[in-house]
Amino acid sequence: MTKNELFPKMSEAIVAGDRAAATTLAEDAVRGDLDLLEVIEQGYVPGIQKVGDLWEEGEYFLPELISSAEAMKAAMAVLDPELKRRSLSSHMGGRVVIGTVEGDIHDIGKNLVASMLQAGGFEVYDLGADVKLERFIEKAEEVGAGMICLSALLTTTMTNQRRLLGLLKDRGLRDKYKVLVGGAPASRKWAEEIGADGYAENAVAAVKLAKTLSGRT
C-alpha cells in the first residue's frame, strides 16, 4: 500500500474511532519502514484534527471523542517504541504534566484532556487525581515539562489551582511554566483572577490552547 493510500485510511480510522484499524495501519507502516514522523503528521494527526472539527460543529459528542482518542493512543502504542528504537521523537508539542488537584478525586474530564493532548502530539505525564501540589512541580522539574494542567471539579478544591501558582512564584518558577486550569467550577475569569495562562472548557479547546501556548499554531 502506498503512502497516498495509507495516510487517508489512517485518518479515517481515527475519525471512526476504530482502534483495530488504527493499530493495523500503524503496524503496516512499521513493517514498510516508512518515515514514522511523516506517518503521524500526515496520516493520524489530520484524523484527530477532523474529530476536533466535528466536535465543535456538534456532529460528534463525548463517546465519539473518547473512541477517537483511544484509537489514536492505540496507533501511538505501536509507533512510539519504534520511534524510540530509531531515536526519533513524535512529541512535537513538548511535555505536559496534568492531574486533578489534591482533595478532588474526579478524573473523567482530566483523563479525556490527557488523552487528547497525547493524541495532539504532547508527551503527557498524568499524575492522576488527588495530587499534592508539590508533586506537580516536582514532576514538571523532573521531566522538563513546559506546561502544567490543573483540573478541579469542586468549588472547595479549585482554590488549590491558585495555591499552585503561588507555590511556583514562591520558588521563582512561575515564568518557567505555562499553567492551564479547567474543571466544572473554573472559568476564563477565574484563570485571569489567579494569574493562570489559560482556561479550557473541554478537551478539544484544551488541545488548541496548549498548541497556541507552545507556539504550534
N, C-alpha and C. Protein backbone atom coordinates (compact mmCIF):
# COMPACT_ATOMS: atom_id res chain seq x y z
N MET A 1 0.85 -1.19 0.00
CA MET A 1 0.00 0.00 0.00
C MET A 1 0.89 1.25 0.00
N THR A 2 0.63 2.17 -0.90
CA THR A 2 1.44 3.39 -0.99
C THR A 2 1.03 4.37 0.11
N LYS A 3 1.89 5.37 0.32
CA LYS A 3 1.58 6.39 1.34
C LYS A 3 0.28 7.11 1.00
N ASN A 4 0.06 7.38 -0.27
CA ASN A 4 -1.16 8.09 -0.68
C ASN A 4 -2.41 7.29 -0.38
N GLU A 5 -2.25 5.96 -0.29
CA GLU A 5 -3.39 5.10 0.06
C GLU A 5 -3.47 4.93 1.57
N LEU A 6 -2.31 4.85 2.21
CA LEU A 6 -2.25 4.55 3.63
C LEU A 6 -2.69 5.71 4.51
N PHE A 7 -2.22 6.91 4.20
CA PHE A 7 -2.49 8.06 5.06
C PHE A 7 -3.98 8.36 5.20
N PRO A 8 -4.76 8.38 4.11
CA PRO A 8 -6.19 8.63 4.28
C PRO A 8 -6.88 7.57 5.13
N LYS A 9 -6.43 6.32 5.01
CA LYS A 9 -7.03 5.24 5.81
C LYS A 9 -6.72 5.44 7.30
N MET A 10 -5.52 5.93 7.59
CA MET A 10 -5.17 6.21 8.99
C MET A 10 -6.08 7.29 9.56
N SER A 11 -6.26 8.35 8.78
CA SER A 11 -7.13 9.44 9.20
C SER A 11 -8.55 8.95 9.42
N GLU A 12 -9.03 8.13 8.49
CA GLU A 12 -10.39 7.58 8.58
C GLU A 12 -10.56 6.71 9.83
N ALA A 13 -9.51 5.95 10.18
CA ALA A 13 -9.58 5.08 11.35
C ALA A 13 -9.73 5.91 12.62
N ILE A 14 -9.05 7.04 12.69
CA ILE A 14 -9.16 7.91 13.87
C ILE A 14 -10.55 8.54 13.92
N VAL A 15 -11.01 9.05 12.81
CA VAL A 15 -12.34 9.68 12.76
C VAL A 15 -13.43 8.68 13.15
N ALA A 16 -13.25 7.43 12.73
CA ALA A 16 -14.23 6.39 13.03
C ALA A 16 -14.05 5.81 14.43
N GLY A 17 -12.95 6.16 15.09
CA GLY A 17 -12.69 5.59 16.41
C GLY A 17 -12.42 4.11 16.35
N ASP A 18 -11.80 3.67 15.26
CA ASP A 18 -11.55 2.25 15.01
C ASP A 18 -10.15 1.88 15.50
N ARG A 19 -10.06 1.40 16.73
CA ARG A 19 -8.76 1.07 17.31
C ARG A 19 -8.04 -0.03 16.55
N ALA A 20 -8.79 -1.05 16.13
CA ALA A 20 -8.18 -2.18 15.43
C ALA A 20 -7.53 -1.72 14.12
N ALA A 21 -8.27 -0.91 13.36
CA ALA A 21 -7.74 -0.43 12.08
C ALA A 21 -6.55 0.49 12.31
N ALA A 22 -6.65 1.38 13.30
CA ALA A 22 -5.56 2.30 13.59
C ALA A 22 -4.29 1.54 13.96
N THR A 23 -4.46 0.46 14.72
CA THR A 23 -3.31 -0.37 15.12
C THR A 23 -2.71 -1.10 13.94
N THR A 24 -3.56 -1.73 13.13
CA THR A 24 -3.09 -2.49 11.97
C THR A 24 -2.34 -1.60 10.98
N LEU A 25 -2.87 -0.43 10.73
CA LEU A 25 -2.22 0.50 9.80
C LEU A 25 -0.87 0.98 10.33
N ALA A 26 -0.79 1.18 11.64
CA ALA A 26 0.49 1.56 12.25
C ALA A 26 1.50 0.43 12.09
N GLU A 27 1.05 -0.79 12.28
CA GLU A 27 1.93 -1.95 12.11
C GLU A 27 2.39 -2.07 10.66
N ASP A 28 1.50 -1.78 9.72
CA ASP A 28 1.87 -1.79 8.30
C ASP A 28 2.96 -0.75 8.01
N ALA A 29 2.83 0.43 8.64
CA ALA A 29 3.81 1.49 8.43
C ALA A 29 5.18 1.09 8.96
N VAL A 30 5.19 0.43 10.11
CA VAL A 30 6.46 -0.02 10.70
C VAL A 30 7.10 -1.09 9.81
N ARG A 31 6.29 -2.06 9.38
CA ARG A 31 6.81 -3.13 8.52
C ARG A 31 7.32 -2.58 7.19
N GLY A 32 6.65 -1.53 6.70
CA GLY A 32 7.04 -0.94 5.42
C GLY A 32 8.20 0.02 5.53
N ASP A 33 8.74 0.18 6.76
CA ASP A 33 9.89 1.05 7.01
C ASP A 33 9.63 2.48 6.52
N LEU A 34 8.40 2.96 6.76
CA LEU A 34 8.05 4.32 6.36
C LEU A 34 8.62 5.33 7.35
N ASP A 35 8.68 6.58 6.94
CA ASP A 35 9.08 7.67 7.83
C ASP A 35 7.94 7.84 8.84
N LEU A 36 8.18 7.42 10.09
CA LEU A 36 7.09 7.36 11.07
C LEU A 36 6.63 8.74 11.54
N LEU A 37 7.51 9.71 11.53
CA LEU A 37 7.06 11.08 11.86
C LEU A 37 6.11 11.59 10.78
N GLU A 38 6.41 11.26 9.54
CA GLU A 38 5.52 11.64 8.44
C GLU A 38 4.20 10.89 8.56
N VAL A 39 4.27 9.63 8.97
CA VAL A 39 3.06 8.82 9.16
C VAL A 39 2.14 9.48 10.19
N ILE A 40 2.74 9.94 11.28
CA ILE A 40 1.94 10.57 12.34
C ILE A 40 1.35 11.89 11.86
N GLU A 41 2.20 12.74 11.30
CA GLU A 41 1.79 14.09 10.93
C GLU A 41 0.83 14.13 9.75
N GLN A 42 1.01 13.21 8.80
CA GLN A 42 0.18 13.24 7.59
C GLN A 42 -0.90 12.16 7.57
N GLY A 43 -0.73 11.15 8.44
CA GLY A 43 -1.71 10.08 8.48
C GLY A 43 -2.69 10.22 9.63
N TYR A 44 -2.15 10.27 10.85
CA TYR A 44 -3.01 10.24 12.03
C TYR A 44 -3.46 11.62 12.52
N VAL A 45 -2.56 12.59 12.51
CA VAL A 45 -2.91 13.91 13.03
C VAL A 45 -4.11 14.55 12.29
N PRO A 46 -4.17 14.47 10.95
CA PRO A 46 -5.35 15.03 10.28
C PRO A 46 -6.66 14.42 10.77
N GLY A 47 -6.59 13.14 11.17
CA GLY A 47 -7.79 12.49 11.68
C GLY A 47 -8.24 13.09 12.99
N ILE A 48 -7.31 13.29 13.91
CA ILE A 48 -7.68 13.84 15.22
C ILE A 48 -8.10 15.30 15.07
N GLN A 49 -7.52 16.00 14.11
CA GLN A 49 -7.94 17.38 13.85
C GLN A 49 -9.38 17.41 13.31
N LYS A 50 -9.70 16.45 12.46
CA LYS A 50 -11.07 16.35 11.93
C LYS A 50 -12.07 16.05 13.05
N VAL A 51 -11.65 15.20 13.98
CA VAL A 51 -12.51 14.88 15.12
C VAL A 51 -12.80 16.15 15.92
N GLY A 52 -11.77 16.97 16.13
CA GLY A 52 -11.97 18.23 16.84
C GLY A 52 -12.95 19.14 16.12
N ASP A 53 -12.85 19.19 14.79
CA ASP A 53 -13.77 20.00 14.00
C ASP A 53 -15.20 19.49 14.14
N LEU A 54 -15.36 18.16 14.08
CA LEU A 54 -16.70 17.56 14.19
C LEU A 54 -17.31 17.82 15.57
N TRP A 55 -16.47 17.81 16.59
CA TRP A 55 -16.93 18.13 17.94
C TRP A 55 -17.44 19.56 18.00
N GLU A 56 -16.68 20.48 17.46
CA GLU A 56 -17.06 21.89 17.52
C GLU A 56 -18.31 22.18 16.67
N GLU A 57 -18.48 21.38 15.62
CA GLU A 57 -19.66 21.56 14.76
C GLU A 57 -20.90 20.88 15.34
N GLY A 58 -20.74 20.18 16.45
CA GLY A 58 -21.86 19.50 17.07
C GLY A 58 -22.23 18.19 16.42
N GLU A 59 -21.33 17.68 15.55
CA GLU A 59 -21.56 16.39 14.88
C GLU A 59 -21.10 15.22 15.76
N TYR A 60 -20.06 15.48 16.56
CA TYR A 60 -19.52 14.45 17.45
C TYR A 60 -19.79 14.83 18.89
N PHE A 61 -19.97 13.80 19.72
CA PHE A 61 -20.22 14.01 21.14
C PHE A 61 -19.18 13.26 21.95
N LEU A 62 -19.32 13.24 23.25
CA LEU A 62 -18.30 12.67 24.13
C LEU A 62 -17.91 11.22 23.77
N PRO A 63 -18.86 10.33 23.49
CA PRO A 63 -18.46 8.95 23.16
C PRO A 63 -17.56 8.87 21.93
N GLU A 64 -17.88 9.66 20.89
CA GLU A 64 -17.05 9.66 19.68
C GLU A 64 -15.67 10.24 19.97
N LEU A 65 -15.64 11.28 20.78
CA LEU A 65 -14.36 11.91 21.14
C LEU A 65 -13.46 10.92 21.86
N ILE A 66 -14.04 10.18 22.81
CA ILE A 66 -13.27 9.19 23.57
C ILE A 66 -12.79 8.07 22.66
N SER A 67 -13.66 7.58 21.78
CA SER A 67 -13.28 6.49 20.87
C SER A 67 -12.13 6.90 19.96
N SER A 68 -12.19 8.11 19.43
CA SER A 68 -11.14 8.59 18.54
C SER A 68 -9.82 8.78 19.28
N ALA A 69 -9.89 9.30 20.51
CA ALA A 69 -8.67 9.47 21.31
C ALA A 69 -8.06 8.11 21.62
N GLU A 70 -8.88 7.11 21.89
CA GLU A 70 -8.38 5.77 22.17
C GLU A 70 -7.76 5.14 20.92
N ALA A 71 -8.35 5.40 19.76
CA ALA A 71 -7.78 4.90 18.51
C ALA A 71 -6.41 5.51 18.26
N MET A 72 -6.28 6.81 18.55
CA MET A 72 -5.00 7.48 18.38
C MET A 72 -3.96 6.90 19.34
N LYS A 73 -4.36 6.67 20.58
CA LYS A 73 -3.45 6.09 21.56
C LYS A 73 -3.01 4.69 21.15
N ALA A 74 -3.92 3.92 20.55
CA ALA A 74 -3.58 2.57 20.10
C ALA A 74 -2.53 2.62 18.99
N ALA A 75 -2.69 3.57 18.07
CA ALA A 75 -1.71 3.71 16.99
C ALA A 75 -0.35 4.12 17.55
N MET A 76 -0.36 5.07 18.50
CA MET A 76 0.89 5.55 19.06
C MET A 76 1.57 4.47 19.91
N ALA A 77 0.80 3.57 20.47
CA ALA A 77 1.38 2.47 21.24
C ALA A 77 2.22 1.57 20.35
N VAL A 78 1.89 1.51 19.07
CA VAL A 78 2.67 0.75 18.10
C VAL A 78 3.87 1.57 17.63
N LEU A 79 3.63 2.85 17.37
CA LEU A 79 4.66 3.69 16.74
C LEU A 79 5.73 4.18 17.72
N ASP A 80 5.34 4.48 18.96
CA ASP A 80 6.30 5.06 19.91
C ASP A 80 7.52 4.18 20.17
N PRO A 81 7.34 2.87 20.41
CA PRO A 81 8.53 2.04 20.64
C PRO A 81 9.47 2.01 19.44
N GLU A 82 8.91 2.02 18.25
CA GLU A 82 9.75 2.01 17.04
C GLU A 82 10.44 3.36 16.86
N LEU A 83 9.75 4.43 17.20
CA LEU A 83 10.37 5.75 17.14
C LEU A 83 11.55 5.83 18.10
N LYS A 84 11.38 5.28 19.30
CA LYS A 84 12.48 5.27 20.26
C LYS A 84 13.65 4.44 19.72
N ARG A 85 13.33 3.30 19.11
CA ARG A 85 14.39 2.45 18.55
C ARG A 85 15.17 3.18 17.46
N ARG A 86 14.45 4.01 16.72
CA ARG A 86 15.10 4.78 15.65
C ARG A 86 15.62 6.12 16.15
N SER A 87 15.51 6.34 17.47
CA SER A 87 15.97 7.59 18.10
C SER A 87 15.30 8.82 17.51
N LEU A 88 13.99 8.70 17.30
CA LEU A 88 13.19 9.83 16.83
C LEU A 88 12.19 10.19 17.92
N SER A 89 11.59 11.35 17.81
CA SER A 89 10.57 11.77 18.78
C SER A 89 9.31 12.23 18.05
N SER A 90 8.18 11.71 18.51
CA SER A 90 6.89 12.11 17.92
C SER A 90 6.24 13.25 18.70
N HIS A 91 6.86 13.64 19.81
CA HIS A 91 6.21 14.61 20.70
C HIS A 91 6.63 16.03 20.34
N MET A 92 6.05 16.53 19.27
CA MET A 92 6.40 17.86 18.79
C MET A 92 5.85 18.97 19.69
N GLY A 93 4.90 18.63 20.54
CA GLY A 93 4.26 19.68 21.36
C GLY A 93 4.95 19.95 22.67
N GLY A 94 5.91 19.12 23.06
CA GLY A 94 6.56 19.30 24.34
C GLY A 94 5.93 18.45 25.43
N ARG A 95 6.40 18.64 26.64
CA ARG A 95 5.97 17.81 27.77
C ARG A 95 4.96 18.55 28.64
N VAL A 96 3.94 17.80 29.05
CA VAL A 96 2.86 18.36 29.86
C VAL A 96 2.65 17.49 31.10
N VAL A 97 2.55 18.12 32.26
CA VAL A 97 2.16 17.43 33.49
C VAL A 97 0.72 17.80 33.79
N ILE A 98 -0.11 16.78 34.03
CA ILE A 98 -1.54 17.03 34.24
C ILE A 98 -2.03 16.21 35.42
N GLY A 99 -3.03 16.72 36.12
CA GLY A 99 -3.63 15.97 37.22
C GLY A 99 -4.80 16.74 37.82
N THR A 100 -5.56 16.05 38.66
CA THR A 100 -6.62 16.68 39.43
C THR A 100 -6.04 17.05 40.79
N VAL A 101 -6.27 18.27 41.22
CA VAL A 101 -5.61 18.79 42.43
C VAL A 101 -6.03 18.03 43.69
N GLU A 102 -5.20 18.15 44.72
CA GLU A 102 -5.43 17.42 45.97
C GLU A 102 -6.80 17.76 46.57
N GLY A 103 -7.39 16.72 47.17
CA GLY A 103 -8.71 16.86 47.75
C GLY A 103 -9.84 16.56 46.79
N ASP A 104 -9.50 16.31 45.52
CA ASP A 104 -10.51 16.11 44.47
C ASP A 104 -10.22 14.79 43.75
N ILE A 105 -11.18 13.87 43.78
CA ILE A 105 -10.95 12.55 43.19
C ILE A 105 -11.59 12.40 41.80
N HIS A 106 -12.17 13.46 41.27
CA HIS A 106 -12.82 13.39 39.96
C HIS A 106 -11.76 13.38 38.85
N ASP A 107 -11.89 12.47 37.92
CA ASP A 107 -10.84 12.39 36.89
C ASP A 107 -11.31 12.08 35.48
N ILE A 108 -12.61 11.97 35.25
CA ILE A 108 -13.08 11.60 33.90
C ILE A 108 -12.71 12.68 32.89
N GLY A 109 -13.01 13.93 33.20
CA GLY A 109 -12.68 15.01 32.29
C GLY A 109 -11.19 15.17 32.10
N LYS A 110 -10.45 15.05 33.21
CA LYS A 110 -8.99 15.16 33.16
C LYS A 110 -8.40 14.06 32.30
N ASN A 111 -8.94 12.85 32.41
CA ASN A 111 -8.45 11.72 31.60
C ASN A 111 -8.63 11.98 30.12
N LEU A 112 -9.76 12.56 29.76
CA LEU A 112 -10.03 12.83 28.35
C LEU A 112 -9.08 13.92 27.83
N VAL A 113 -8.86 14.96 28.63
CA VAL A 113 -7.92 16.01 28.23
C VAL A 113 -6.52 15.42 28.04
N ALA A 114 -6.11 14.55 28.96
CA ALA A 114 -4.79 13.92 28.85
C ALA A 114 -4.69 13.10 27.57
N SER A 115 -5.73 12.34 27.26
CA SER A 115 -5.73 11.52 26.05
C SER A 115 -5.67 12.39 24.79
N MET A 116 -6.43 13.47 24.79
CA MET A 116 -6.46 14.34 23.61
C MET A 116 -5.14 15.10 23.45
N LEU A 117 -4.52 15.48 24.56
CA LEU A 117 -3.22 16.13 24.48
C LEU A 117 -2.19 15.17 23.90
N GLN A 118 -2.24 13.93 24.35
CA GLN A 118 -1.31 12.92 23.82
C GLN A 118 -1.56 12.71 22.33
N ALA A 119 -2.83 12.63 21.96
CA ALA A 119 -3.18 12.46 20.55
C ALA A 119 -2.73 13.66 19.73
N GLY A 120 -2.68 14.84 20.38
CA GLY A 120 -2.27 16.05 19.69
C GLY A 120 -0.76 16.24 19.60
N GLY A 121 0.01 15.25 20.06
CA GLY A 121 1.46 15.30 19.89
C GLY A 121 2.24 15.74 21.12
N PHE A 122 1.57 15.83 22.27
CA PHE A 122 2.27 16.20 23.50
C PHE A 122 2.72 14.94 24.26
N GLU A 123 3.82 15.05 24.96
CA GLU A 123 4.27 13.99 25.85
C GLU A 123 3.64 14.26 27.20
N VAL A 124 2.70 13.41 27.59
CA VAL A 124 1.84 13.70 28.73
C VAL A 124 2.22 12.84 29.94
N TYR A 125 2.37 13.51 31.08
CA TYR A 125 2.62 12.82 32.35
C TYR A 125 1.39 13.04 33.23
N ASP A 126 0.54 12.02 33.30
CA ASP A 126 -0.73 12.12 34.03
C ASP A 126 -0.51 11.62 35.46
N LEU A 127 -0.64 12.52 36.42
CA LEU A 127 -0.40 12.18 37.82
C LEU A 127 -1.63 11.61 38.51
N GLY A 128 -2.78 11.59 37.81
CA GLY A 128 -3.99 11.03 38.39
C GLY A 128 -4.81 12.07 39.13
N ALA A 129 -5.53 11.63 40.16
CA ALA A 129 -6.41 12.51 40.93
C ALA A 129 -5.88 12.67 42.35
N ASP A 130 -6.38 13.69 43.05
CA ASP A 130 -5.99 13.96 44.44
C ASP A 130 -4.47 14.11 44.54
N VAL A 131 -3.91 14.94 43.65
CA VAL A 131 -2.46 15.10 43.56
C VAL A 131 -1.99 16.27 44.43
N LYS A 132 -1.05 16.01 45.30
CA LYS A 132 -0.49 17.08 46.13
C LYS A 132 0.19 18.12 45.24
N LEU A 133 0.04 19.38 45.58
CA LEU A 133 0.51 20.46 44.73
C LEU A 133 2.02 20.38 44.49
N GLU A 134 2.76 20.02 45.53
CA GLU A 134 4.21 19.91 45.36
C GLU A 134 4.58 18.88 44.30
N ARG A 135 3.73 17.85 44.17
CA ARG A 135 4.02 16.78 43.21
C ARG A 135 3.98 17.28 41.77
N PHE A 136 3.07 18.21 41.48
CA PHE A 136 3.01 18.80 40.13
C PHE A 136 4.36 19.45 39.79
N ILE A 137 4.87 20.21 40.74
CA ILE A 137 6.12 20.93 40.49
C ILE A 137 7.29 19.96 40.40
N GLU A 138 7.33 18.98 41.32
CA GLU A 138 8.41 18.00 41.30
C GLU A 138 8.47 17.26 39.97
N LYS A 139 7.30 16.85 39.47
CA LYS A 139 7.27 16.08 38.22
C LYS A 139 7.64 16.97 37.04
N ALA A 140 7.14 18.19 37.03
CA ALA A 140 7.46 19.11 35.93
C ALA A 140 8.96 19.38 35.88
N GLU A 141 9.57 19.54 37.04
CA GLU A 141 11.02 19.75 37.11
C GLU A 141 11.77 18.49 36.67
N GLU A 142 11.25 17.34 37.09
CA GLU A 142 11.92 16.06 36.79
C GLU A 142 11.96 15.77 35.30
N VAL A 143 10.84 16.00 34.61
CA VAL A 143 10.76 15.61 33.19
C VAL A 143 11.05 16.76 32.24
N GLY A 144 11.24 17.96 32.78
CA GLY A 144 11.50 19.10 31.90
C GLY A 144 10.26 19.54 31.14
N ALA A 145 9.12 19.52 31.82
CA ALA A 145 7.86 19.93 31.18
C ALA A 145 7.84 21.45 30.99
N GLY A 146 7.02 21.88 30.04
CA GLY A 146 6.84 23.30 29.82
C GLY A 146 5.46 23.77 30.20
N MET A 147 4.59 22.78 30.56
CA MET A 147 3.20 23.13 30.84
C MET A 147 2.67 22.27 31.98
N ILE A 148 1.83 22.89 32.83
CA ILE A 148 1.16 22.18 33.92
C ILE A 148 -0.34 22.42 33.78
N CYS A 149 -1.11 21.33 33.76
CA CYS A 149 -2.57 21.44 33.61
C CYS A 149 -3.24 20.95 34.89
N LEU A 150 -4.09 21.81 35.47
CA LEU A 150 -4.71 21.54 36.76
C LEU A 150 -6.23 21.43 36.61
N SER A 151 -6.76 20.28 37.01
CA SER A 151 -8.20 20.08 36.97
C SER A 151 -8.77 20.13 38.37
N ALA A 152 -9.96 20.73 38.49
CA ALA A 152 -10.68 20.76 39.78
C ALA A 152 -12.17 20.71 39.46
N LEU A 153 -12.87 19.81 40.10
CA LEU A 153 -14.31 19.66 39.83
C LEU A 153 -15.18 20.16 40.97
N LEU A 154 -14.56 20.68 42.02
CA LEU A 154 -15.31 21.17 43.17
C LEU A 154 -14.91 22.60 43.49
N THR A 155 -15.87 23.39 43.93
CA THR A 155 -15.55 24.77 44.32
C THR A 155 -14.61 24.79 45.53
N THR A 156 -14.67 23.73 46.33
CA THR A 156 -13.82 23.67 47.52
C THR A 156 -12.37 23.30 47.18
N THR A 157 -12.14 22.72 46.01
CA THR A 157 -10.77 22.33 45.65
C THR A 157 -10.17 23.24 44.57
N MET A 158 -10.99 24.03 43.90
CA MET A 158 -10.45 24.87 42.83
C MET A 158 -9.46 25.91 43.38
N THR A 159 -9.58 26.24 44.67
CA THR A 159 -8.63 27.19 45.24
C THR A 159 -7.20 26.64 45.23
N ASN A 160 -7.08 25.31 45.12
CA ASN A 160 -5.73 24.73 45.03
C ASN A 160 -5.05 25.09 43.71
N GLN A 161 -5.83 25.45 42.71
CA GLN A 161 -5.22 25.94 41.47
C GLN A 161 -4.50 27.26 41.75
N ARG A 162 -5.13 28.11 42.52
CA ARG A 162 -4.50 29.37 42.92
C ARG A 162 -3.25 29.11 43.77
N ARG A 163 -3.37 28.14 44.69
CA ARG A 163 -2.25 27.83 45.58
C ARG A 163 -1.04 27.35 44.79
N LEU A 164 -1.27 26.54 43.75
CA LEU A 164 -0.12 26.05 42.98
C LEU A 164 0.62 27.20 42.30
N LEU A 165 -0.13 28.14 41.77
CA LEU A 165 0.50 29.31 41.16
C LEU A 165 1.33 30.08 42.19
N GLY A 166 0.81 30.14 43.42
CA GLY A 166 1.55 30.80 44.49
C GLY A 166 2.84 30.06 44.80
N LEU A 167 2.78 28.73 44.81
CA LEU A 167 3.98 27.93 45.07
C LEU A 167 5.04 28.16 43.99
N LEU A 168 4.59 28.21 42.74
CA LEU A 168 5.53 28.46 41.65
C LEU A 168 6.21 29.81 41.82
N LYS A 169 5.44 30.83 42.20
CA LYS A 169 6.01 32.16 42.42
C LYS A 169 7.00 32.15 43.56
N ASP A 170 6.62 31.48 44.66
CA ASP A 170 7.50 31.43 45.83
C ASP A 170 8.84 30.79 45.51
N ARG A 171 8.82 29.84 44.57
CA ARG A 171 10.05 29.12 44.23
C ARG A 171 10.78 29.72 43.03
N GLY A 172 10.27 30.86 42.55
CA GLY A 172 10.90 31.52 41.42
C GLY A 172 10.75 30.75 40.12
N LEU A 173 9.67 29.96 40.01
CA LEU A 173 9.48 29.10 38.84
C LEU A 173 8.29 29.51 37.97
N ARG A 174 7.59 30.57 38.36
CA ARG A 174 6.35 30.90 37.65
C ARG A 174 6.56 31.11 36.16
N ASP A 175 7.61 31.80 35.78
CA ASP A 175 7.84 32.10 34.37
C ASP A 175 8.31 30.89 33.57
N LYS A 176 8.63 29.81 34.26
CA LYS A 176 9.16 28.62 33.60
C LYS A 176 8.06 27.76 32.98
N TYR A 177 6.83 27.90 33.49
CA TYR A 177 5.74 27.02 33.07
C TYR A 177 4.51 27.79 32.60
N LYS A 178 3.86 27.25 31.59
CA LYS A 178 2.52 27.68 31.23
C LYS A 178 1.56 26.85 32.09
N VAL A 179 0.63 27.52 32.75
CA VAL A 179 -0.31 26.82 33.63
C VAL A 179 -1.73 26.97 33.10
N LEU A 180 -2.37 25.83 32.83
CA LEU A 180 -3.75 25.81 32.34
C LEU A 180 -4.65 25.26 33.43
N VAL A 181 -5.84 25.82 33.57
CA VAL A 181 -6.81 25.33 34.55
C VAL A 181 -8.09 24.93 33.86
N GLY A 182 -8.78 23.97 34.47
CA GLY A 182 -10.05 23.51 33.92
C GLY A 182 -10.87 22.82 34.99
N GLY A 183 -12.08 22.41 34.61
CA GLY A 183 -12.99 21.77 35.55
C GLY A 183 -14.28 22.56 35.65
N ALA A 184 -15.32 21.90 36.14
CA ALA A 184 -16.66 22.49 36.16
C ALA A 184 -16.74 23.87 36.80
N PRO A 185 -16.12 24.13 37.96
CA PRO A 185 -16.29 25.45 38.59
C PRO A 185 -15.35 26.51 38.02
N ALA A 186 -14.35 26.08 37.24
CA ALA A 186 -13.38 27.04 36.69
C ALA A 186 -13.99 27.80 35.52
N SER A 187 -13.34 28.90 35.16
CA SER A 187 -13.81 29.74 34.06
C SER A 187 -12.65 30.59 33.57
N ARG A 188 -12.87 31.26 32.46
CA ARG A 188 -11.83 32.16 31.95
C ARG A 188 -11.57 33.29 32.96
N LYS A 189 -12.63 33.77 33.57
CA LYS A 189 -12.49 34.83 34.57
C LYS A 189 -11.66 34.35 35.75
N TRP A 190 -11.90 33.11 36.19
CA TRP A 190 -11.14 32.53 37.30
C TRP A 190 -9.65 32.42 36.93
N ALA A 191 -9.39 31.97 35.72
CA ALA A 191 -8.00 31.84 35.26
C ALA A 191 -7.29 33.19 35.29
N GLU A 192 -7.99 34.22 34.83
CA GLU A 192 -7.41 35.57 34.85
C GLU A 192 -7.20 36.05 36.28
N GLU A 193 -8.16 35.75 37.15
CA GLU A 193 -8.09 36.21 38.53
C GLU A 193 -6.88 35.63 39.26
N ILE A 194 -6.58 34.35 39.01
CA ILE A 194 -5.49 33.70 39.75
C ILE A 194 -4.15 33.80 39.01
N GLY A 195 -4.17 34.37 37.79
CA GLY A 195 -2.93 34.54 37.05
C GLY A 195 -2.48 33.34 36.27
N ALA A 196 -3.43 32.44 35.93
CA ALA A 196 -3.09 31.28 35.09
C ALA A 196 -2.91 31.75 33.64
N ASP A 197 -2.29 30.90 32.83
CA ASP A 197 -2.04 31.26 31.43
C ASP A 197 -3.24 30.99 30.53
N GLY A 198 -4.20 30.20 31.03
CA GLY A 198 -5.36 29.94 30.19
C GLY A 198 -6.34 28.99 30.85
N TYR A 199 -7.54 28.97 30.26
CA TYR A 199 -8.63 28.10 30.72
C TYR A 199 -9.26 27.46 29.50
N ALA A 200 -9.61 26.18 29.60
CA ALA A 200 -10.31 25.50 28.51
C ALA A 200 -11.54 24.79 29.07
N GLU A 201 -12.65 24.91 28.36
CA GLU A 201 -13.89 24.34 28.87
C GLU A 201 -14.09 22.89 28.48
N ASN A 202 -13.30 22.39 27.51
CA ASN A 202 -13.40 20.98 27.13
C ASN A 202 -12.06 20.51 26.55
N ALA A 203 -11.99 19.22 26.23
CA ALA A 203 -10.72 18.62 25.81
C ALA A 203 -10.23 19.19 24.48
N VAL A 204 -11.12 19.41 23.54
CA VAL A 204 -10.71 19.95 22.24
C VAL A 204 -10.14 21.36 22.41
N ALA A 205 -10.84 22.17 23.21
CA ALA A 205 -10.36 23.53 23.47
C ALA A 205 -9.02 23.50 24.20
N ALA A 206 -8.84 22.52 25.08
CA ALA A 206 -7.58 22.41 25.83
C ALA A 206 -6.40 22.15 24.90
N VAL A 207 -6.61 21.27 23.93
CA VAL A 207 -5.53 20.95 22.98
C VAL A 207 -5.20 22.18 22.12
N LYS A 208 -6.21 22.87 21.67
CA LYS A 208 -5.98 24.08 20.86
C LYS A 208 -5.21 25.13 21.65
N LEU A 209 -5.61 25.31 22.91
CA LEU A 209 -4.95 26.30 23.74
C LEU A 209 -3.50 25.89 24.01
N ALA A 210 -3.31 24.61 24.30
CA ALA A 210 -1.96 24.12 24.58
C ALA A 210 -1.06 24.31 23.37
N LYS A 211 -1.58 24.07 22.19
CA LYS A 211 -0.78 24.26 20.96
C LYS A 211 -0.45 25.73 20.76
N THR A 212 -1.41 26.59 21.05
CA THR A 212 -1.16 28.03 20.92
C THR A 212 -0.09 28.49 21.88
N LEU A 213 -0.20 28.06 23.13
CA LEU A 213 0.75 28.48 24.15
C LEU A 213 2.15 27.91 23.92
N SER A 214 2.21 26.77 23.22
CA SER A 214 3.52 26.17 22.94
C SER A 214 4.06 26.59 21.60
N GLY A 215 3.34 27.52 20.93
CA GLY A 215 3.83 28.07 19.67
C GLY A 215 3.62 27.18 18.48
N ARG A 216 2.64 26.29 18.55
CA ARG A 216 2.41 25.37 17.43
C ARG A 216 1.32 25.85 16.48
N THR A 217 0.69 26.97 16.78
CA THR A 217 -0.34 27.48 15.86
C THR A 217 -0.07 28.96 15.59
